[in-house]
Amino acid sequence: MTEAQVWSRREVWRRKLLYPGHTLPTAAAPVLVSVGLAVHYQVFAAMPAFLAFLAGWLIQVGGVLTDNYENLIRQPEDREHPELVQALKLGTLTLSGLKGAVSACYLLALLVGSYLLYLAGPFVLLIGLSSIAASWVYSAGPYPVGRHGLADPLFFAFFGIVSVAGGYYVQAAAGAVTGTWFVQWALPMKVIALSLPIGALTTNILIIDDIRDREFDAIKGKRTVAVRFGKEWSRAEFALLLALSYLAPFWFWLRFGFSAWILLPLATVSYAWTTARAVMTLDRFEDLVPITPKAGRLLLAFAVLLAIGAAIPSI
């Protein structure tokens, strides 16, 4: 009897479907940076920031569940996730329940978004709907981008630029006097700039998964970057994005007038180095599994320190 056969329903959902080790950090990181920027511009608003995090996490979990649902539909005997296949056979997981959970996540995200719409205006609707569409189209629809090697730019854009800018926008717009919110939002360059390392580090989480899963993905017909061009190409992409992330704080300091505290994320460089060394040297699926949550912790630590650095004013 395999370990999967004795997992309870709760264990199946927590350990194999919700992935809190990286869904929570990737949802929290951009909002934390947006909070640092909002403090910097004196537009911080706690409730909109929390709701932006909650909506983002729900959308992300909806995407993860959609990916698992699509995998089980396309590959009923999925060798990559034998625990889920076994859970279906044992009845501790059902496809209808999984599909219902996807709908629940997206509906709850829309409910949260409706209050943000009330607080911050109609632009929130565009942010929310485009984020849900991106989450869904990663693995579903007539052209799932994750199966065609196009997920990397999608992750970079939505987990970085859209999430950080959206988190800042709802805070600035919610607390602004009518007619002045545009002035507060019309400072986009710093907001976009600080979103770039967040997008890069989040994309690196996807790259780790693609390197780890490349043999399974090839069998499933997925054309990820690691499948199409090989693991060395993905490792090079990982290294470039990591370098971008750790050079960016110097750019923020020298170009945008942030205080030297903006260099705080460099305190995570040793952890980044051990993560990168693992990605560059480990090859077996089992060895790379724990590196994904490790990259999630790196992202979260980087984001916390970047947010603190952005919030502290220059003297």
C-alpha atoms as a PDB file:
ATOM      1  CA  MET A   1       0.000   0.000   0.000  1.00  0.00           C
ATOM      2  CA  THR A   2       1.498   3.366  -1.022  1.00  0.00           C
ATOM      3  CA  GLU A   3       1.588   6.463   1.149  1.00  0.00           C
ATOM      4  CA  ALA A   4      -1.061   8.046  -1.071  1.00  0.00           C
ATOM      5  CA  GLN A   5      -3.515   5.257  -0.283  1.00  0.00           C
ATOM      6  CA  VAL A   6      -3.581   6.091   3.413  1.00  0.00           C
ATOM      7  CA  TRP A   7      -3.813   9.862   3.046  1.00  0.00           C
ATOM      8  CA  SER A   8      -6.960  11.396   4.429  1.00  0.00           C
ATOM      9  CA  ARG A   9      -9.101  13.759   2.395  1.00  0.00           C
ATOM     10  CA  ARG A  10      -7.623  16.679   4.331  1.00  0.00           C
ATOM     11  CA  GLU A  11      -4.060  15.558   3.601  1.00  0.00           C
ATOM     12  CA  VAL A  12      -4.801  15.209  -0.114  1.00  0.00           C
ATOM     13  CA  TRP A  13      -6.118  18.756  -0.305  1.00  0.00           C
ATOM     14  CA  ARG A  14      -3.447  20.338   1.860  1.00  0.00           C
ATOM     15  CA  ARG A  15      -0.373  18.457   0.666  1.00  0.00           C
ATOM     16  CA  LYS A  16      -1.142  17.921  -3.021  1.00  0.00           C
ATOM     17  CA  LEU A  17      -3.635  20.602  -4.060  1.00  0.00           C
ATOM     18  CA  LEU A  18      -3.263  23.823  -2.073  1.00  0.00           C
ATOM     19  CA  TYR A  19       0.576  23.920  -2.026  1.00  0.00           C
ATOM     20  CA  PRO A  20       0.788  26.491   0.812  1.00  0.00           C
ATOM     21  CA  GLY A  21       4.584  26.327   0.607  1.00  0.00           C
ATOM     22  CA  HIS A  22       4.546  28.471  -2.509  1.00  0.00           C
ATOM     23  CA  THR A  23       0.993  29.714  -3.120  1.00  0.00           C
ATOM     24  CA  LEU A  24       1.028  31.848   0.028  1.00  0.00           C
ATOM     25  CA  PRO A  25       4.470  33.418  -0.587  1.00  0.00           C
ATOM     26  CA  THR A  26       3.704  34.165  -4.235  1.00  0.00           C
ATOM     27  CA  ALA A  27       0.396  35.779  -3.282  1.00  0.00           C
ATOM     28  CA  ALA A  28       1.860  37.739  -0.367  1.00  0.00           C
ATOM     29  CA  ALA A  29       5.113  38.958  -1.964  1.00  0.00           C
ATOM     30  CA  PRO A  30       3.686  41.463  -4.498  1.00  0.00           C
ATOM     31  CA  VAL A  31       1.203  42.863  -1.974  1.00  0.00           C
ATOM     32  CA  LEU A  32       3.971  43.354   0.587  1.00  0.00           C
ATOM     33  CA  VAL A  33       5.974  45.344  -1.947  1.00  0.00           C
ATOM     34  CA  SER A  34       2.886  47.380  -2.848  1.00  0.00           C
ATOM     35  CA  VAL A  35       2.442  48.160   0.861  1.00  0.00           C
ATOM     36  CA  GLY A  36       6.034  49.396   1.055  1.00  0.00           C
ATOM     37  CA  LEU A  37       5.393  51.641  -1.941  1.00  0.00           C
ATOM     38  CA  ALA A  38       2.107  52.868  -0.489  1.00  0.00           C
ATOM     39  CA  VAL A  39       3.872  53.811   2.757  1.00  0.00           C
ATOM     40  CA  HIS A  40       6.539  55.541   0.676  1.00  0.00           C
ATOM     41  CA  TYR A  41       3.874  57.664  -1.043  1.00  0.00           C
ATOM     42  CA  GLN A  42       1.767  57.998   2.128  1.00  0.00           C
ATOM     43  CA  VAL A  43      -1.279  56.249   0.645  1.00  0.00           C
ATOM     44  CA  PHE A  44      -1.170  53.040   2.704  1.00  0.00           C
ATOM     45  CA  ALA A  45      -4.586  51.479   3.303  1.00  0.00           C
ATOM     46  CA  ALA A  46      -4.662  48.223   5.292  1.00  0.00           C
ATOM     47  CA  MET A  47      -8.040  46.839   4.221  1.00  0.00           C
ATOM     48  CA  PRO A  48      -7.513  47.208   0.432  1.00  0.00           C
ATOM     49  CA  ALA A  49      -4.040  45.694   0.795  1.00  0.00           C
ATOM     50  CA  PHE A  50      -5.372  42.675   2.703  1.00  0.00           C
ATOM     51  CA  LEU A  51      -8.211  42.180   0.228  1.00  0.00           C
ATOM     52  CA  ALA A  52      -5.757  42.380  -2.676  1.00  0.00           C
ATOM     53  CA  PHE A  53      -3.722  39.603  -1.043  1.00  0.00           C
ATOM     54  CA  LEU A  54      -6.822  37.479  -0.403  1.00  0.00           C
ATOM     55  CA  ALA A  55      -8.132  37.885  -3.954  1.00  0.00           C
ATOM     56  CA  GLY A  56      -4.707  37.136  -5.395  1.00  0.00           C
ATOM     57  CA  TRP A  57      -4.300  33.996  -3.306  1.00  0.00           C
ATOM     58  CA  LEU A  58      -7.782  32.727  -4.238  1.00  0.00           C
ATOM     59  CA  ILE A  59      -7.083  33.294  -7.935  1.00  0.00           C
ATOM     60  CA  GLN A  60      -3.766  31.515  -7.638  1.00  0.00           C
ATOM     61  CA  VAL A  61      -5.251  28.518  -5.827  1.00  0.00           C
ATOM     62  CA  GLY A  62      -7.973  28.427  -8.477  1.00  0.00           C
ATOM     63  CA  GLY A  63      -5.245  28.167 -11.099  1.00  0.00           C
ATOM     64  CA  VAL A  64      -3.428  25.392  -9.213  1.00  0.00           C
ATOM     65  CA  LEU A  65      -6.647  23.399  -8.846  1.00  0.00           C
ATOM     66  CA  THR A  66      -7.464  23.942 -12.511  1.00  0.00           C
ATOM     67  CA  ASP A  67      -4.029  22.602 -13.446  1.00  0.00           C
ATOM     68  CA  ASN A  68      -4.560  19.475 -11.359  1.00  0.00           C
ATOM     69  CA  TYR A  69      -8.061  18.980 -12.761  1.00  0.00           C
ATOM     70  CA  GLU A  70      -6.820  19.283 -16.340  1.00  0.00           C
ATOM     71  CA  ASN A  71      -3.947  16.886 -15.637  1.00  0.00           C
ATOM     72  CA  LEU A  72      -6.294  14.258 -14.230  1.00  0.00           C
ATOM     73  CA  ILE A  73      -8.723  14.669 -17.132  1.00  0.00           C
ATOM     74  CA  ARG A  74      -5.956  14.390 -19.738  1.00  0.00           C
ATOM     75  CA  GLN A  75      -3.872  11.796 -17.861  1.00  0.00           C
ATOM     76  CA  PRO A  76      -6.151   9.531 -15.764  1.00  0.00           C
ATOM     77  CA  GLU A  77      -3.098   7.474 -14.740  1.00  0.00           C
ATOM     78  CA  ASP A  78      -0.846  10.478 -14.124  1.00  0.00           C
ATOM     79  CA  ARG A  79       2.544   9.087 -13.010  1.00  0.00           C
ATOM     80  CA  GLU A  80       3.633  12.496 -11.741  1.00  0.00           C
ATOM     81  CA  HIS A  81       0.849  12.630  -9.156  1.00  0.00           C
ATOM     82  CA  PRO A  82       0.096   9.027  -8.190  1.00  0.00           C
ATOM     83  CA  GLU A  83      -1.331  10.215  -4.869  1.00  0.00           C
ATOM     84  CA  LEU A  84      -4.097  12.108  -6.663  1.00  0.00           C
ATOM     85  CA  VAL A  85      -4.815   9.174  -8.978  1.00  0.00           C
ATOM     86  CA  GLN A  86      -5.058   6.905  -5.947  1.00  0.00           C
ATOM     87  CA  ALA A  87      -7.249   9.427  -4.108  1.00  0.00           C
ATOM     88  CA  LEU A  88      -9.679   9.382  -7.046  1.00  0.00           C
ATOM     89  CA  LYS A  89      -9.828   5.590  -6.901  1.00  0.00           C
ATOM     90  CA  LEU A  90     -10.386   5.616  -3.147  1.00  0.00           C
ATOM     91  CA  GLY A  91     -13.001   8.373  -3.308  1.00  0.00           C
ATOM     92  CA  THR A  92     -11.110  10.814  -1.096  1.00  0.00           C
ATOM     93  CA  LEU A  93     -11.022  13.091  -4.151  1.00  0.00           C
ATOM     94  CA  THR A  94     -13.544  13.497  -6.960  1.00  0.00           C
ATOM     95  CA  LEU A  95     -13.289  15.369 -10.226  1.00  0.00           C
ATOM     96  CA  SER A  96     -16.613  17.069  -9.540  1.00  0.00           C
ATOM     97  CA  GLY A  97     -15.343  18.201  -6.134  1.00  0.00           C
ATOM     98  CA  LEU A  98     -12.144  19.488  -7.685  1.00  0.00           C
ATOM     99  CA  LYS A  99     -14.081  21.358 -10.362  1.00  0.00           C
ATOM    100  CA  GLY A 100     -16.388  22.793  -7.714  1.00  0.00           C
ATOM    101  CA  ALA A 101     -13.391  24.020  -5.721  1.00  0.00           C
ATOM    102  CA  VAL A 102     -12.067  25.823  -8.809  1.00  0.00           C
ATOM    103  CA  SER A 103     -15.396  27.614  -9.238  1.00  0.00           C
ATOM    104  CA  ALA A 104     -15.537  28.447  -5.529  1.00  0.00           C
ATOM    105  CA  CYS A 105     -12.057  30.006  -5.607  1.00  0.00           C
ATOM    106  CA  TYR A 106     -12.864  32.218  -8.577  1.00  0.00           C
ATOM    107  CA  LEU A 107     -16.295  33.198  -7.217  1.00  0.00           C
ATOM    108  CA  LEU A 108     -14.835  34.112  -3.827  1.00  0.00           C
ATOM    109  CA  ALA A 109     -12.133  36.141  -5.571  1.00  0.00           C
ATOM    110  CA  LEU A 110     -14.846  38.011  -7.489  1.00  0.00           C
ATOM    111  CA  LEU A 111     -16.715  38.611  -4.233  1.00  0.00           C
ATOM    112  CA  VAL A 112     -13.615  40.096  -2.636  1.00  0.00           C
ATOM    113  CA  GLY A 113     -13.006  42.047  -5.826  1.00  0.00           C
ATOM    114  CA  SER A 114     -16.501  43.504  -5.737  1.00  0.00           C
ATOM    115  CA  TYR A 115     -15.662  45.256  -2.467  1.00  0.00           C
ATOM    116  CA  LEU A 116     -12.383  46.462  -3.944  1.00  0.00           C
ATOM    117  CA  LEU A 117     -14.398  47.716  -6.905  1.00  0.00           C
ATOM    118  CA  TYR A 118     -16.490  49.748  -4.472  1.00  0.00           C
ATOM    119  CA  LEU A 119     -13.392  51.096  -2.716  1.00  0.00           C
ATOM    120  CA  ALA A 120     -11.098  51.776  -5.656  1.00  0.00           C
ATOM    121  CA  GLY A 121     -13.170  52.097  -8.823  1.00  0.00           C
ATOM    122  CA  PRO A 122     -13.732  50.247 -12.093  1.00  0.00           C
ATOM    123  CA  PHE A 123     -10.060  49.664 -12.954  1.00  0.00           C
ATOM    124  CA  VAL A 124     -10.135  46.935 -10.302  1.00  0.00           C
ATOM    125  CA  LEU A 125     -12.522  44.964 -12.510  1.00  0.00           C
ATOM    126  CA  LEU A 126      -9.967  44.885 -15.336  1.00  0.00           C
ATOM    127  CA  ILE A 127      -7.210  43.758 -12.976  1.00  0.00           C
ATOM    128  CA  GLY A 128      -9.365  41.017 -11.443  1.00  0.00           C
ATOM    129  CA  LEU A 129     -10.840  39.590 -14.615  1.00  0.00           C
ATOM    130  CA  SER A 130      -7.516  39.579 -16.460  1.00  0.00           C
ATOM    131  CA  SER A 131      -5.865  37.836 -13.493  1.00  0.00           C
ATOM    132  CA  ILE A 132      -8.563  35.141 -13.395  1.00  0.00           C
ATOM    133  CA  ALA A 133      -8.250  34.670 -17.150  1.00  0.00           C
ATOM    134  CA  ALA A 134      -4.462  34.309 -16.854  1.00  0.00           C
ATOM    135  CA  SER A 135      -4.846  31.823 -13.993  1.00  0.00           C
ATOM    136  CA  TRP A 136      -7.294  29.713 -15.992  1.00  0.00           C
ATOM    137  CA  VAL A 137      -5.600  29.866 -19.393  1.00  0.00           C
ATOM    138  CA  TYR A 138      -2.323  28.580 -17.926  1.00  0.00           C
ATOM    139  CA  SER A 139      -3.650  25.020 -18.073  1.00  0.00           C
ATOM    140  CA  ALA A 140      -7.181  25.152 -19.542  1.00  0.00           C
ATOM    141  CA  GLY A 141      -9.019  26.392 -22.592  1.00  0.00           C
ATOM    142  CA  PRO A 142      -8.356  25.758 -26.281  1.00  0.00           C
ATOM    143  CA  TYR A 143      -4.731  26.908 -26.014  1.00  0.00           C
ATOM    144  CA  PRO A 144      -3.340  26.333 -22.490  1.00  0.00           C
ATOM    145  CA  VAL A 145      -0.183  28.418 -22.445  1.00  0.00           C
ATOM    146  CA  GLY A 146       1.543  26.200 -19.884  1.00  0.00           C
ATOM    147  CA  ARG A 147       1.467  23.312 -22.353  1.00  0.00           C
ATOM    148  CA  HIS A 148       3.059  25.427 -25.084  1.00  0.00           C
ATOM    149  CA  GLY A 149       6.046  26.918 -23.275  1.00  0.00           C
ATOM    150  CA  LEU A 150       4.511  30.383 -22.842  1.00  0.00           C
ATOM    151  CA  ALA A 151       3.945  30.371 -19.097  1.00  0.00           C
ATOM    152  CA  ASP A 152       7.157  32.198 -18.137  1.00  0.00           C
ATOM    153  CA  PRO A 153       6.166  35.646 -19.479  1.00  0.00           C
ATOM    154  CA  LEU A 154       2.646  35.128 -18.093  1.00  0.00           C
ATOM    155  CA  PHE A 155       4.022  34.504 -14.596  1.00  0.00           C
ATOM    156  CA  PHE A 156       6.445  37.417 -14.844  1.00  0.00           C
ATOM    157  CA  ALA A 157       3.723  39.848 -15.911  1.00  0.00           C
ATOM    158  CA  PHE A 158       0.931  38.820 -13.548  1.00  0.00           C
ATOM    159  CA  PHE A 159       2.854  37.817 -10.429  1.00  0.00           C
ATOM    160  CA  GLY A 160       5.126  40.802 -10.853  1.00  0.00           C
ATOM    161  CA  ILE A 161       3.853  43.872 -12.663  1.00  0.00           C
ATOM    162  CA  VAL A 162       0.086  43.354 -12.428  1.00  0.00           C
ATOM    163  CA  SER A 163       0.096  42.177  -8.806  1.00  0.00           C
ATOM    164  CA  VAL A 164       2.404  44.867  -7.432  1.00  0.00           C
ATOM    165  CA  ALA A 165       0.802  47.652  -9.468  1.00  0.00           C
ATOM    166  CA  GLY A 166      -2.685  46.395  -8.629  1.00  0.00           C
ATOM    167  CA  GLY A 167      -1.898  46.209  -4.913  1.00  0.00           C
ATOM    168  CA  TYR A 168      -0.564  49.749  -4.951  1.00  0.00           C
ATOM    169  CA  TYR A 169      -3.461  51.027  -7.056  1.00  0.00           C
ATOM    170  CA  VAL A 170      -6.219  49.797  -4.748  1.00  0.00           C
ATOM    171  CA  GLN A 171      -4.535  51.466  -1.774  1.00  0.00           C
ATOM    172  CA  ALA A 172      -3.900  54.764  -3.538  1.00  0.00           C
ATOM    173  CA  ALA A 173      -7.338  54.895  -5.153  1.00  0.00           C
ATOM    174  CA  ALA A 174      -9.284  53.797  -2.072  1.00  0.00           C
ATOM    175  CA  GLY A 175      -7.948  56.559   0.143  1.00  0.00           C
ATOM    176  CA  ALA A 176      -7.803  59.340  -2.429  1.00  0.00           C
ATOM    177  CA  VAL A 177     -10.028  62.363  -2.707  1.00  0.00           C
ATOM    178  CA  THR A 178     -11.989  62.349  -5.961  1.00  0.00           C
ATOM    179  CA  GLY A 179      -9.947  64.001  -8.650  1.00  0.00           C
ATOM    180  CA  THR A 180      -6.602  63.470  -6.934  1.00  0.00           C
ATOM    181  CA  TRP A 181      -6.201  59.690  -7.082  1.00  0.00           C
ATOM    182  CA  PHE A 182      -4.804  59.919 -10.595  1.00  0.00           C
ATOM    183  CA  VAL A 183      -1.940  62.065  -9.318  1.00  0.00           C
ATOM    184  CA  GLN A 184      -1.139  59.402  -6.730  1.00  0.00           C
ATOM    185  CA  TRP A 185      -1.363  56.627  -9.311  1.00  0.00           C
ATOM    186  CA  ALA A 186       0.520  58.666 -11.929  1.00  0.00           C
ATOM    187  CA  LEU A 187       3.871  57.685 -10.405  1.00  0.00           C
ATOM    188  CA  PRO A 188       4.047  54.313 -12.103  1.00  0.00           C
ATOM    189  CA  MET A 189       7.726  54.007 -12.858  1.00  0.00           C
ATOM    190  CA  LYS A 190       8.804  53.202  -9.301  1.00  0.00           C
ATOM    191  CA  VAL A 191       5.873  50.845  -8.913  1.00  0.00           C
ATOM    192  CA  ILE A 192       6.666  48.990 -12.123  1.00  0.00           C
ATOM    193  CA  ALA A 193      10.396  48.954 -11.368  1.00  0.00           C
ATOM    194  CA  LEU A 194       9.953  47.337  -7.946  1.00  0.00           C
ATOM    195  CA  SER A 195       7.642  44.736  -9.457  1.00  0.00           C
ATOM    196  CA  LEU A 196      10.376  43.353 -11.720  1.00  0.00           C
ATOM    197  CA  PRO A 197      12.407  41.335  -9.177  1.00  0.00           C
ATOM    198  CA  ILE A 198       9.162  39.978  -7.718  1.00  0.00           C
ATOM    199  CA  GLY A 199       8.088  38.781 -11.159  1.00  0.00           C
ATOM    200  CA  ALA A 200      11.557  37.329 -11.757  1.00  0.00           C
ATOM    201  CA  LEU A 201      11.743  35.375  -8.490  1.00  0.00           C
ATOM    202  CA  THR A 202       8.201  34.060  -8.937  1.00  0.00           C
ATOM    203  CA  THR A 203       8.980  32.937 -12.483  1.00  0.00           C
ATOM    204  CA  ASN A 204      11.982  31.102 -11.076  1.00  0.00           C
ATOM    205  CA  ILE A 205       9.611  28.990  -8.974  1.00  0.00           C
ATOM    206  CA  LEU A 206       7.899  27.916 -12.189  1.00  0.00           C
ATOM    207  CA  ILE A 207      11.275  27.193 -13.811  1.00  0.00           C
ATOM    208  CA  ILE A 208      12.237  24.893 -10.930  1.00  0.00           C
ATOM    209  CA  ASP A 209       8.974  23.004 -11.385  1.00  0.00           C
ATOM    210  CA  ASP A 210       9.540  22.740 -15.136  1.00  0.00           C
ATOM    211  CA  ILE A 211      13.055  21.350 -14.661  1.00  0.00           C
ATOM    212  CA  ARG A 212      11.792  18.916 -12.043  1.00  0.00           C
ATOM    213  CA  ASP A 213       8.784  17.760 -14.092  1.00  0.00           C
ATOM    214  CA  ARG A 214      10.339  17.745 -17.569  1.00  0.00           C
ATOM    215  CA  GLU A 215      10.215  13.953 -18.053  1.00  0.00           C
ATOM    216  CA  PHE A 216       6.594  13.745 -16.944  1.00  0.00           C
ATOM    217  CA  ASP A 217       5.704  16.803 -19.056  1.00  0.00           C
ATOM    218  CA  ALA A 218       7.264  15.262 -22.152  1.00  0.00           C
ATOM    219  CA  ILE A 219       5.101  12.150 -21.706  1.00  0.00           C
ATOM    220  CA  LYS A 220       2.009  14.345 -21.299  1.00  0.00           C
ATOM    221  CA  GLY A 221       2.825  16.310 -24.448  1.00  0.00           C
ATOM    222  CA  LYS A 222       3.572  19.527 -22.573  1.00  0.00           C
ATOM    223  CA  ARG A 223       5.995  21.756 -24.458  1.00  0.00           C
ATOM    224  CA  THR A 224       7.480  23.679 -21.536  1.00  0.00           C
ATOM    225  CA  VAL A 225      10.764  25.526 -21.961  1.00  0.00           C
ATOM    226  CA  ALA A 226      12.613  22.712 -20.195  1.00  0.00           C
ATOM    227  CA  VAL A 227      11.061  20.129 -22.538  1.00  0.00           C
ATOM    228  CA  ARG A 228      11.567  22.121 -25.737  1.00  0.00           C
ATOM    229  CA  PHE A 229      15.072  23.441 -25.122  1.00  0.00           C
ATOM    230  CA  GLY A 230      16.430  21.307 -22.301  1.00  0.00           C
ATOM    231  CA  LYS A 231      17.186  21.770 -18.622  1.00  0.00           C
ATOM    232  CA  GLU A 232      20.368  23.771 -19.278  1.00  0.00           C
ATOM    233  CA  TRP A 233      18.381  26.436 -21.083  1.00  0.00           C
ATOM    234  CA  SER A 234      15.978  26.633 -18.131  1.00  0.00           C
ATOM    235  CA  ARG A 235      18.894  26.816 -15.723  1.00  0.00           C
ATOM    236  CA  ALA A 236      20.354  29.712 -17.707  1.00  0.00           C
ATOM    237  CA  GLU A 237      16.994  31.493 -17.602  1.00  0.00           C
ATOM    238  CA  PHE A 238      16.855  30.895 -13.842  1.00  0.00           C
ATOM    239  CA  ALA A 239      20.328  32.394 -13.388  1.00  0.00           C
ATOM    240  CA  LEU A 240      19.497  35.464 -15.483  1.00  0.00           C
ATOM    241  CA  LEU A 241      16.293  36.175 -13.566  1.00  0.00           C
ATOM    242  CA  LEU A 242      18.093  35.699 -10.265  1.00  0.00           C
ATOM    243  CA  ALA A 243      20.823  38.119 -11.367  1.00  0.00           C
ATOM    244  CA  LEU A 244      18.167  40.662 -12.398  1.00  0.00           C
ATOM    245  CA  SER A 245      16.562  40.392  -8.967  1.00  0.00           C
ATOM    246  CA  TYR A 246      19.779  41.059  -7.060  1.00  0.00           C
ATOM    247  CA  LEU A 247      21.061  43.832  -9.321  1.00  0.00           C
ATOM    248  CA  ALA A 248      17.702  45.638  -9.267  1.00  0.00           C
ATOM    249  CA  PRO A 249      18.054  47.127  -5.741  1.00  0.00           C
ATOM    250  CA  PHE A 250      21.168  49.000  -6.851  1.00  0.00           C
ATOM    251  CA  TRP A 251      19.136  50.462  -9.730  1.00  0.00           C
ATOM    252  CA  PHE A 252      16.364  51.497  -7.338  1.00  0.00           C
ATOM    253  CA  TRP A 253      18.892  53.194  -5.069  1.00  0.00           C
ATOM    254  CA  LEU A 254      20.885  55.023  -7.743  1.00  0.00           C
ATOM    255  CA  ARG A 255      18.116  55.816 -10.221  1.00  0.00           C
ATOM    256  CA  PHE A 256      14.950  56.363  -8.180  1.00  0.00           C
ATOM    257  CA  GLY A 257      16.230  58.076  -5.063  1.00  0.00           C
ATOM    258  CA  PHE A 258      15.279  55.415  -2.539  1.00  0.00           C
ATOM    259  CA  SER A 259      17.368  55.349   0.622  1.00  0.00           C
ATOM    260  CA  ALA A 260      20.179  52.835   1.017  1.00  0.00           C
ATOM    261  CA  TRP A 261      17.675  50.673   2.919  1.00  0.00           C
ATOM    262  CA  ILE A 262      16.392  49.583  -0.483  1.00  0.00           C
ATOM    263  CA  LEU A 263      19.475  47.341  -0.583  1.00  0.00           C
ATOM    264  CA  LEU A 264      18.089  45.247   2.293  1.00  0.00           C
ATOM    265  CA  PRO A 265      17.078  42.338  -0.027  1.00  0.00           C
ATOM    266  CA  LEU A 266      20.782  41.678  -0.570  1.00  0.00           C
ATOM    267  CA  ALA A 267      20.750  40.127   2.910  1.00  0.00           C
ATOM    268  CA  THR A 268      19.117  37.072   1.303  1.00  0.00           C
ATOM    269  CA  VAL A 269      21.923  36.519  -1.200  1.00  0.00           C
ATOM    270  CA  SER A 270      23.415  33.517   0.623  1.00  0.00           C
ATOM    271  CA  TYR A 271      20.025  31.775   0.676  1.00  0.00           C
ATOM    272  CA  ALA A 272      19.609  32.629  -2.998  1.00  0.00           C
ATOM    273  CA  TRP A 273      23.029  31.110  -3.694  1.00  0.00           C
ATOM    274  CA  THR A 274      22.178  27.787  -2.025  1.00  0.00           C
ATOM    275  CA  THR A 275      18.858  27.692  -3.902  1.00  0.00           C
ATOM    276  CA  ALA A 276      20.585  28.397  -7.204  1.00  0.00           C
ATOM    277  CA  ARG A 277      23.273  25.788  -6.542  1.00  0.00           C
ATOM    278  CA  ALA A 278      20.561  23.195  -5.953  1.00  0.00           C
ATOM    279  CA  VAL A 279      18.806  24.137  -9.195  1.00  0.00           C
ATOM    280  CA  MET A 280      22.071  23.977 -11.143  1.00  0.00           C
ATOM    281  CA  THR A 281      23.259  20.642  -9.754  1.00  0.00           C
ATOM    282  CA  LEU A 282      20.271  18.540  -8.743  1.00  0.00           C
ATOM    283  CA  ASP A 283      18.554  16.496 -11.408  1.00  0.00           C
ATOM    284  CA  ARG A 284      16.268  13.899  -9.847  1.00  0.00           C
ATOM    285  CA  PHE A 285      12.587  14.704  -9.373  1.00  0.00           C
ATOM    286  CA  GLU A 286      12.703  13.707  -5.695  1.00  0.00           C
ATOM    287  CA  ASP A 287      15.697  15.967  -5.002  1.00  0.00           C
ATOM    288  CA  LEU A 288      14.097  19.010  -6.627  1.00  0.00           C
ATOM    289  CA  VAL A 289      10.702  18.696  -4.892  1.00  0.00           C
ATOM    290  CA  PRO A 290      11.812  20.580  -1.714  1.00  0.00           C
ATOM    291  CA  ILE A 291      13.496  23.329  -3.760  1.00  0.00           C
ATOM    292  CA  THR A 292      10.147  24.804  -4.862  1.00  0.00           C
ATOM    293  CA  PRO A 293       9.043  25.799  -1.325  1.00  0.00           C
ATOM    294  CA  LYS A 294      12.613  26.932  -0.657  1.00  0.00           C
ATOM    295  CA  ALA A 295      12.350  29.305  -3.632  1.00  0.00           C
ATOM    296  CA  GLY A 296       8.998  30.455  -2.227  1.00  0.00           C
ATOM    297  CA  ARG A 297      10.650  31.338   1.071  1.00  0.00           C
ATOM    298  CA  LEU A 298      13.379  33.204  -0.775  1.00  0.00           C
ATOM    299  CA  LEU A 299      10.754  35.225  -2.660  1.00  0.00           C
ATOM    300  CA  LEU A 300       8.907  36.071   0.558  1.00  0.00           C
ATOM    301  CA  ALA A 301      12.054  37.140   2.420  1.00  0.00           C
ATOM    302  CA  PHE A 302      13.187  39.261  -0.537  1.00  0.00           C
ATOM    303  CA  ALA A 303       9.762  40.917  -0.760  1.00  0.00           C
ATOM    304  CA  VAL A 304       9.596  41.703   2.964  1.00  0.00           C
ATOM    305  CA  LEU A 305      13.010  43.361   2.894  1.00  0.00           C
ATOM    306  CA  LEU A 306      12.263  45.217  -0.352  1.00  0.00           C
ATOM    307  CA  ALA A 307       9.006  46.524   1.147  1.00  0.00           C
ATOM    308  CA  ILE A 308      10.821  47.727   4.273  1.00  0.00           C
ATOM    309  CA  GLY A 309      13.501  49.392   2.153  1.00  0.00           C
ATOM    310  CA  ALA A 310      10.911  51.143   0.005  1.00  0.00           C
ATOM    311  CA  ALA A 311       8.979  52.376   3.034  1.00  0.00           C
ATOM    312  CA  ILE A 312      11.945  53.984   4.798  1.00  0.00           C
ATOM    313  CA  PRO A 313      12.333  57.551   3.485  1.00  0.00           C
ATOM    314  CA  SER A 314      15.579  59.061   2.282  1.00  0.00           C
ATOM    315  CA  ILE A 315      17.212  61.453   4.722  1.00  0.00           C
END
